Amino acid sequence: LKVNIWSQKSPIAPWDYRKANNKKK
């Protein structure tokens, strides 16, 4: 239905977001 998060072309899963931010730190 492309609701909220799924209306985005390439949403980033929270676990991937956390992983990427932890590497930056």
PDB file of all heavy atoms in Angstrom:
ATOM      1  N   LEU A   1       0.816  -1.221   0.000  1.00  0.00           N
ATOM      2  CA  LEU A   1       0.000   0.000   0.000  1.00  0.00           C
ATOM      3  C   LEU A   1       0.849   1.272   0.000  1.00  0.00           C
ATOM      4  O   LEU A   1       0.309   2.379  -0.079  1.00  0.00           O
ATOM      5  CB  LEU A   1      -0.938   0.006   1.213  1.00  0.00           C
ATOM      6  CG  LEU A   1      -2.004  -1.092   1.227  1.00  0.00           C
ATOM      7  CD1 LEU A   1      -2.700  -1.142   2.583  1.00  0.00           C
ATOM      8  CD2 LEU A   1      -3.017  -0.862   0.104  1.00  0.00           C
ATOM      9  N   LYS A   2       2.171   1.108   0.129  1.00  0.00           N
ATOM     10  CA  LYS A   2       3.124   2.222   0.166  1.00  0.00           C
ATOM     11  C   LYS A   2       2.761   3.243   1.257  1.00  0.00           C
ATOM     12  O   LYS A   2       2.738   4.446   1.041  1.00  0.00           O
ATOM     13  CB  LYS A   2       3.225   2.899  -1.196  1.00  0.00           C
ATOM     14  CG  LYS A   2       3.741   1.969  -2.282  1.00  0.00           C
ATOM     15  CD  LYS A   2       3.967   2.696  -3.574  1.00  0.00           C
ATOM     16  CE  LYS A   2       4.366   1.804  -4.706  1.00  0.00           C
ATOM     17  NZ  LYS A   2       5.562   1.071  -4.598  1.00  0.00           N
ATOM     18  N   VAL A   3       2.512   2.712   2.440  1.00  0.00           N
ATOM     19  CA  VAL A   3       2.121   3.532   3.585  1.00  0.00           C
ATOM     20  C   VAL A   3       3.362   4.007   4.341  1.00  0.00           C
ATOM     21  O   VAL A   3       4.251   3.216   4.647  1.00  0.00           O
ATOM     22  CB  VAL A   3       1.214   2.724   4.539  1.00  0.00           C
ATOM     23  CG1 VAL A   3       0.766   3.558   5.718  1.00  0.00           C
ATOM     24  CG2 VAL A   3       0.015   2.168   3.803  1.00  0.00           C
ATOM     25  N   ASN A   4       3.412   5.301   4.654  1.00  0.00           N
ATOM     26  CA  ASN A   4       4.472   5.914   5.468  1.00  0.00           C
ATOM     27  C   ASN A   4       5.874   5.495   5.043  1.00  0.00           C
ATOM     28  O   ASN A   4       6.317   5.887   3.979  1.00  0.00           O
ATOM     29  CB  ASN A   4       4.204   5.676   6.954  1.00  0.00           C
ATOM     30  CG  ASN A   4       3.028   6.508   7.427  1.00  0.00           C
ATOM     31  OD1 ASN A   4       2.903   7.679   7.089  1.00  0.00           O
ATOM     32  ND2 ASN A   4       2.142   5.917   8.213  1.00  0.00           N
ATOM     33  N   ILE A   5       6.578   4.704   5.850  1.00  0.00           N
ATOM     34  CA  ILE A   5       7.955   4.307   5.531  1.00  0.00           C
ATOM     35  C   ILE A   5       8.028   3.754   4.110  1.00  0.00           C
ATOM     36  O   ILE A   5       8.960   4.036   3.365  1.00  0.00           O
ATOM     37  CB  ILE A   5       8.457   3.217   6.513  1.00  0.00           C
ATOM     38  CG1 ILE A   5       8.609   3.773   7.918  1.00  0.00           C
ATOM     39  CG2 ILE A   5       9.783   2.619   6.034  1.00  0.00           C
ATOM     40  CD1 ILE A   5       8.780   2.697   8.973  1.00  0.00           C
ATOM     41  N   TRP A   6       7.035   3.001   3.749  1.00  0.00           N
ATOM     42  CA  TRP A   6       7.051   2.276   2.471  1.00  0.00           C
ATOM     43  C   TRP A   6       6.698   3.164   1.281  1.00  0.00           C
ATOM     44  O   TRP A   6       6.733   2.706   0.142  1.00  0.00           O
ATOM     45  CB  TRP A   6       6.153   1.048   2.555  1.00  0.00           C
ATOM     46  CG  TRP A   6       6.470   0.271   3.799  1.00  0.00           C
ATOM     47  CD1 TRP A   6       5.636   0.021   4.842  1.00  0.00           C
ATOM     48  CD2 TRP A   6       7.727  -0.299   4.164  1.00  0.00           C
ATOM     49  NE1 TRP A   6       6.296  -0.670   5.825  1.00  0.00           N
ATOM     50  CE2 TRP A   6       7.581  -0.874   5.434  1.00  0.00           C
ATOM     51  CE3 TRP A   6       8.972  -0.373   3.531  1.00  0.00           C
ATOM     52  CZ2 TRP A   6       8.623  -1.526   6.086  1.00  0.00           C
ATOM     53  CZ3 TRP A   6      10.012  -1.022   4.183  1.00  0.00           C
ATOM     54  CH2 TRP A   6       9.831  -1.587   5.445  1.00  0.00           C
ATOM     55  N   SER A   7       6.412   4.439   1.544  1.00  0.00           N
ATOM     56  CA  SER A   7       6.200   5.384   0.442  1.00  0.00           C
ATOM     57  C   SER A   7       7.552   5.864  -0.103  1.00  0.00           C
ATOM     58  O   SER A   7       7.621   6.443  -1.182  1.00  0.00           O
ATOM     59  CB  SER A   7       5.367   6.583   0.904  1.00  0.00           C
ATOM     60  OG  SER A   7       6.084   7.347   1.861  1.00  0.00           O
ATOM     61  N   GLN A   8       8.614   5.617   0.644  1.00  0.00           N
ATOM     62  CA  GLN A   8       9.958   6.013   0.231  1.00  0.00           C
ATOM     63  C   GLN A   8      10.523   5.014  -0.783  1.00  0.00           C
ATOM     64  O   GLN A   8      10.188   3.824  -0.746  1.00  0.00           O
ATOM     65  CB  GLN A   8      10.888   6.065   1.432  1.00  0.00           C
ATOM     66  CG  GLN A   8      10.490   7.101   2.456  1.00  0.00           C
ATOM     67  CD  GLN A   8      11.446   7.085   3.614  1.00  0.00           C
ATOM     68  OE1 GLN A   8      11.776   6.044   4.158  1.00  0.00           O
ATOM     69  NE2 GLN A   8      11.907   8.275   3.986  1.00  0.00           N
ATOM     70  N   LYS A   9      11.386   5.526  -1.642  1.00  0.00           N
ATOM     71  CA  LYS A   9      11.975   4.671  -2.671  1.00  0.00           C
ATOM     72  C   LYS A   9      12.853   3.573  -2.068  1.00  0.00           C
ATOM     73  O   LYS A   9      12.738   2.411  -2.426  1.00  0.00           O
ATOM     74  CB  LYS A   9      12.788   5.519  -3.654  1.00  0.00           C
ATOM     75  CG  LYS A   9      13.282   4.757  -4.841  1.00  0.00           C
ATOM     76  CD  LYS A   9      13.953   5.652  -5.857  1.00  0.00           C
ATOM     77  CE  LYS A   9      14.433   4.819  -7.042  1.00  0.00           C
ATOM     78  NZ  LYS A   9      15.023   5.647  -8.084  1.00  0.00           N
ATOM     79  N   SER A  10      13.734   3.944  -1.157  1.00  0.00           N
ATOM     80  CA  SER A  10      14.652   2.972  -0.538  1.00  0.00           C
ATOM     81  C   SER A  10      14.780   3.230   0.961  1.00  0.00           C
ATOM     82  O   SER A  10      15.801   3.750   1.426  1.00  0.00           O
ATOM     83  CB  SER A  10      16.038   3.065  -1.191  1.00  0.00           C
ATOM     84  OG  SER A  10      15.970   2.794  -2.551  1.00  0.00           O
ATOM     85  N   PRO A  11      13.761   2.866   1.742  1.00  0.00           N
ATOM     86  CA  PRO A  11      13.861   3.105   3.188  1.00  0.00           C
ATOM     87  C   PRO A  11      14.987   2.281   3.806  1.00  0.00           C
ATOM     88  O   PRO A  11      15.271   1.163   3.360  1.00  0.00           O
ATOM     89  CB  PRO A  11      12.499   2.656   3.714  1.00  0.00           C
ATOM     90  CG  PRO A  11      11.975   1.715   2.698  1.00  0.00           C
ATOM     91  CD  PRO A  11      12.538   2.146   1.384  1.00  0.00           C
ATOM     92  N   ILE A  12      15.632   2.865   4.787  1.00  0.00           N
ATOM     93  CA  ILE A  12      16.744   2.191   5.466  1.00  0.00           C
ATOM     94  C   ILE A  12      16.225   1.594   6.768  1.00  0.00           C
ATOM     95  O   ILE A  12      15.657   2.307   7.608  1.00  0.00           O
ATOM     96  CB  ILE A  12      17.896   3.175   5.745  1.00  0.00           C
ATOM     97  CG1 ILE A  12      18.434   3.728   4.420  1.00  0.00           C
ATOM     98  CG2 ILE A  12      19.007   2.507   6.547  1.00  0.00           C
ATOM     99  CD1 ILE A  12      19.373   4.890   4.577  1.00  0.00           C
ATOM    100  N   ALA A  13      16.420   0.303   6.927  1.00  0.00           N
ATOM    101  CA  ALA A  13      15.990  -0.386   8.149  1.00  0.00           C
ATOM    102  C   ALA A  13      16.728   0.199   9.348  1.00  0.00           C
ATOM    103  O   ALA A  13      17.908   0.540   9.243  1.00  0.00           O
ATOM    104  CB  ALA A  13      16.260  -1.880   8.035  1.00  0.00           C
ATOM    105  N   PRO A  14      16.064   0.323  10.482  1.00  0.00           N
ATOM    106  CA  PRO A  14      16.705   0.909  11.666  1.00  0.00           C
ATOM    107  C   PRO A  14      17.989   0.198  12.073  1.00  0.00           C
ATOM    108  O   PRO A  14      18.942   0.846  12.502  1.00  0.00           O
ATOM    109  CB  PRO A  14      15.642   0.776  12.761  1.00  0.00           C
ATOM    110  CG  PRO A  14      14.368   0.617  12.039  1.00  0.00           C
ATOM    111  CD  PRO A  14      14.674  -0.031  10.735  1.00  0.00           C
ATOM    112  N   TRP A  15      18.019  -1.127  11.961  1.00  0.00           N
ATOM    113  CA  TRP A  15      19.230  -1.862  12.346  1.00  0.00           C
ATOM    114  C   TRP A  15      20.395  -1.521  11.424  1.00  0.00           C
ATOM    115  O   TRP A  15      21.525  -1.458  11.887  1.00  0.00           O
ATOM    116  CB  TRP A  15      18.989  -3.369  12.426  1.00  0.00           C
ATOM    117  CG  TRP A  15      18.332  -3.980  11.232  1.00  0.00           C
ATOM    118  CD1 TRP A  15      18.947  -4.447  10.093  1.00  0.00           C
ATOM    119  CD2 TRP A  15      16.939  -4.181  11.039  1.00  0.00           C
ATOM    120  NE1 TRP A  15      18.021  -4.931   9.219  1.00  0.00           N
ATOM    121  CE2 TRP A  15      16.767  -4.791   9.769  1.00  0.00           C
ATOM    122  CE3 TRP A  15      15.808  -3.933  11.809  1.00  0.00           C
ATOM    123  CZ2 TRP A  15      15.526  -5.141   9.251  1.00  0.00           C
ATOM    124  CZ3 TRP A  15      14.566  -4.279  11.299  1.00  0.00           C
ATOM    125  CH2 TRP A  15      14.431  -4.874  10.040  1.00  0.00           C
ATOM    126  N   ASP A  16      20.134  -1.252  10.143  1.00  0.00           N
ATOM    127  CA  ASP A  16      21.196  -0.828   9.220  1.00  0.00           C
ATOM    128  C   ASP A  16      21.635   0.607   9.527  1.00  0.00           C
ATOM    129  O   ASP A  16      22.819   0.933   9.469  1.00  0.00           O
ATOM    130  CB  ASP A  16      20.730  -0.931   7.760  1.00  0.00           C
ATOM    131  CG  ASP A  16      20.544  -2.367   7.312  1.00  0.00           C
ATOM    132  OD1 ASP A  16      21.212  -3.265   7.876  1.00  0.00           O
ATOM    133  OD2 ASP A  16      19.718  -2.604   6.413  1.00  0.00           O
ATOM    134  N   TYR A  17      20.676   1.451   9.868  1.00  0.00           N
ATOM    135  CA  TYR A  17      20.962   2.839  10.233  1.00  0.00           C
ATOM    136  C   TYR A  17      21.851   2.884  11.480  1.00  0.00           C
ATOM    137  O   TYR A  17      22.846   3.604  11.521  1.00  0.00           O
ATOM    138  CB  TYR A  17      19.641   3.576  10.472  1.00  0.00           C
ATOM    139  CG  TYR A  17      19.781   5.019  10.855  1.00  0.00           C
ATOM    140  CD1 TYR A  17      19.942   6.006   9.890  1.00  0.00           C
ATOM    141  CD2 TYR A  17      19.732   5.416  12.191  1.00  0.00           C
ATOM    142  CE1 TYR A  17      20.060   7.348  10.239  1.00  0.00           C
ATOM    143  CE2 TYR A  17      19.849   6.751  12.553  1.00  0.00           C
ATOM    144  CZ  TYR A  17      20.009   7.712  11.568  1.00  0.00           C
ATOM    145  OH  TYR A  17      20.128   9.039  11.930  1.00  0.00           O
ATOM    146  N   ARG A  18      21.500   2.080  12.497  1.00  0.00           N
ATOM    147  CA  ARG A  18      22.309   2.042  13.731  1.00  0.00           C
ATOM    148  C   ARG A  18      23.718   1.545  13.439  1.00  0.00           C
ATOM    149  O   ARG A  18      24.702   2.098  13.940  1.00  0.00           O
ATOM    150  CB  ARG A  18      21.633   1.145  14.781  1.00  0.00           C
ATOM    151  CG  ARG A  18      20.416   1.754  15.433  1.00  0.00           C
ATOM    152  CD  ARG A  18      19.945   0.925  16.609  1.00  0.00           C
ATOM    153  NE  ARG A  18      19.501  -0.405  16.229  1.00  0.00           N
ATOM    154  CZ  ARG A  18      18.246  -0.722  15.900  1.00  0.00           C
ATOM    155  NH1 ARG A  18      17.299   0.187  15.886  1.00  0.00           N
ATOM    156  NH2 ARG A  18      17.935  -1.970  15.593  1.00  0.00           N
ATOM    157  N   LYS A  19      23.799   0.505  12.629  1.00  0.00           N
ATOM    158  CA  LYS A  19      25.104  -0.073  12.284  1.00  0.00           C
ATOM    159  C   LYS A  19      25.993   0.967  11.592  1.00  0.00           C
ATOM    160  O   LYS A  19      27.165   1.128  11.919  1.00  0.00           O
ATOM    161  CB  LYS A  19      24.894  -1.284  11.380  1.00  0.00           C
ATOM    162  CG  LYS A  19      26.081  -2.173  11.227  1.00  0.00           C
ATOM    163  CD  LYS A  19      25.656  -3.388  10.389  1.00  0.00           C
ATOM    164  CE  LYS A  19      26.715  -4.438  10.361  1.00  0.00           C
ATOM    165  NZ  LYS A  19      26.299  -5.616   9.573  1.00  0.00           N
ATOM    166  N   ALA A  20      25.426   1.684  10.634  1.00  0.00           N
ATOM    167  CA  ALA A  20      26.188   2.715   9.896  1.00  0.00           C
ATOM    168  C   ALA A  20      26.612   3.841  10.831  1.00  0.00           C
ATOM    169  O   ALA A  20      27.747   4.329  10.738  1.00  0.00           O
ATOM    170  CB  ALA A  20      25.342   3.266   8.742  1.00  0.00           C
ATOM    171  N   ASN A  21      25.737   4.266  11.733  1.00  0.00           N
ATOM    172  CA  ASN A  21      26.078   5.348  12.657  1.00  0.00           C
ATOM    173  C   ASN A  21      27.102   4.915  13.693  1.00  0.00           C
ATOM    174  O   ASN A  21      27.922   5.726  14.120  1.00  0.00           O
ATOM    175  CB  ASN A  21      24.820   5.894  13.341  1.00  0.00           C
ATOM    176  CG  ASN A  21      24.080   6.832  12.427  1.00  0.00           C
ATOM    177  OD1 ASN A  21      24.604   7.286  11.396  1.00  0.00           O
ATOM    178  ND2 ASN A  21      22.847   7.148  12.770  1.00  0.00           N
ATOM    179  N   ASN A  22      27.065   3.660  14.105  1.00  0.00           N
ATOM    180  CA  ASN A  22      28.062   3.159  15.055  1.00  0.00           C
ATOM    181  C   ASN A  22      29.447   3.134  14.424  1.00  0.00           C
ATOM    182  O   ASN A  22      30.445   3.391  15.087  1.00  0.00           O
ATOM    183  CB  ASN A  22      27.681   1.773  15.586  1.00  0.00           C
ATOM    184  CG  ASN A  22      26.560   1.872  16.590  1.00  0.00           C
ATOM    185  OD1 ASN A  22      26.315   2.904  17.179  1.00  0.00           O
ATOM    186  ND2 ASN A  22      25.855   0.756  16.784  1.00  0.00           N
ATOM    187  N   LYS A  23      29.531   2.811  13.150  1.00  0.00           N
ATOM    188  CA  LYS A  23      30.828   2.805  12.440  1.00  0.00           C
ATOM    189  C   LYS A  23      31.385   4.215  12.329  1.00  0.00           C
ATOM    190  O   LYS A  23      32.576   4.421  12.440  1.00  0.00           O
ATOM    191  CB  LYS A  23      30.667   2.189  11.032  1.00  0.00           C
ATOM    192  CG  LYS A  23      30.558   0.690  11.077  1.00  0.00           C
ATOM    193  CD  LYS A  23      30.449   0.122   9.669  1.00  0.00           C
ATOM    194  CE  LYS A  23      30.283  -1.374   9.718  1.00  0.00           C
ATOM    195  NZ  LYS A  23      30.105  -1.953   8.377  1.00  0.00           N
ATOM    196  N   LYS A  24      30.508   5.208  12.107  1.00  0.00           N
ATOM    197  CA  LYS A  24      30.946   6.601  12.005  1.00  0.00           C
ATOM    198  C   LYS A  24      31.536   7.109  13.315  1.00  0.00           C
ATOM    199  O   LYS A  24      32.442   7.931  13.316  1.00  0.00           O
ATOM    200  CB  LYS A  24      29.767   7.502  11.601  1.00  0.00           C
ATOM    201  CG  LYS A  24      29.338   7.331  10.174  1.00  0.00           C
ATOM    202  CD  LYS A  24      28.145   8.222   9.878  1.00  0.00           C
ATOM    203  CE  LYS A  24      27.584   7.968   8.503  1.00  0.00           C
ATOM    204  NZ  LYS A  24      26.367   8.751   8.252  1.00  0.00           N
ATOM    205  N   LYS A  25      30.994   6.627  14.435  1.00  0.00           N
ATOM    206  CA  LYS A  25      31.444   7.084  15.761  1.00  0.00           C
ATOM    207  C   LYS A  25      32.820   6.546  16.136  1.00  0.00           C
ATOM    208  O   LYS A  25      33.496   7.087  16.975  1.00  0.00           O
ATOM    209  CB  LYS A  25      30.433   6.668  16.829  1.00  0.00           C
ATOM    210  CG  LYS A  25      29.127   7.428  16.724  1.00  0.00           C
ATOM    211  CD  LYS A  25      28.137   6.925  17.761  1.00  0.00           C
ATOM    212  CE  LYS A  25      26.789   7.608  17.580  1.00  0.00           C
ATOM    213  NZ  LYS A  25      25.780   7.070  18.495  1.00  0.00           N
TER     214      LYS A  25
END
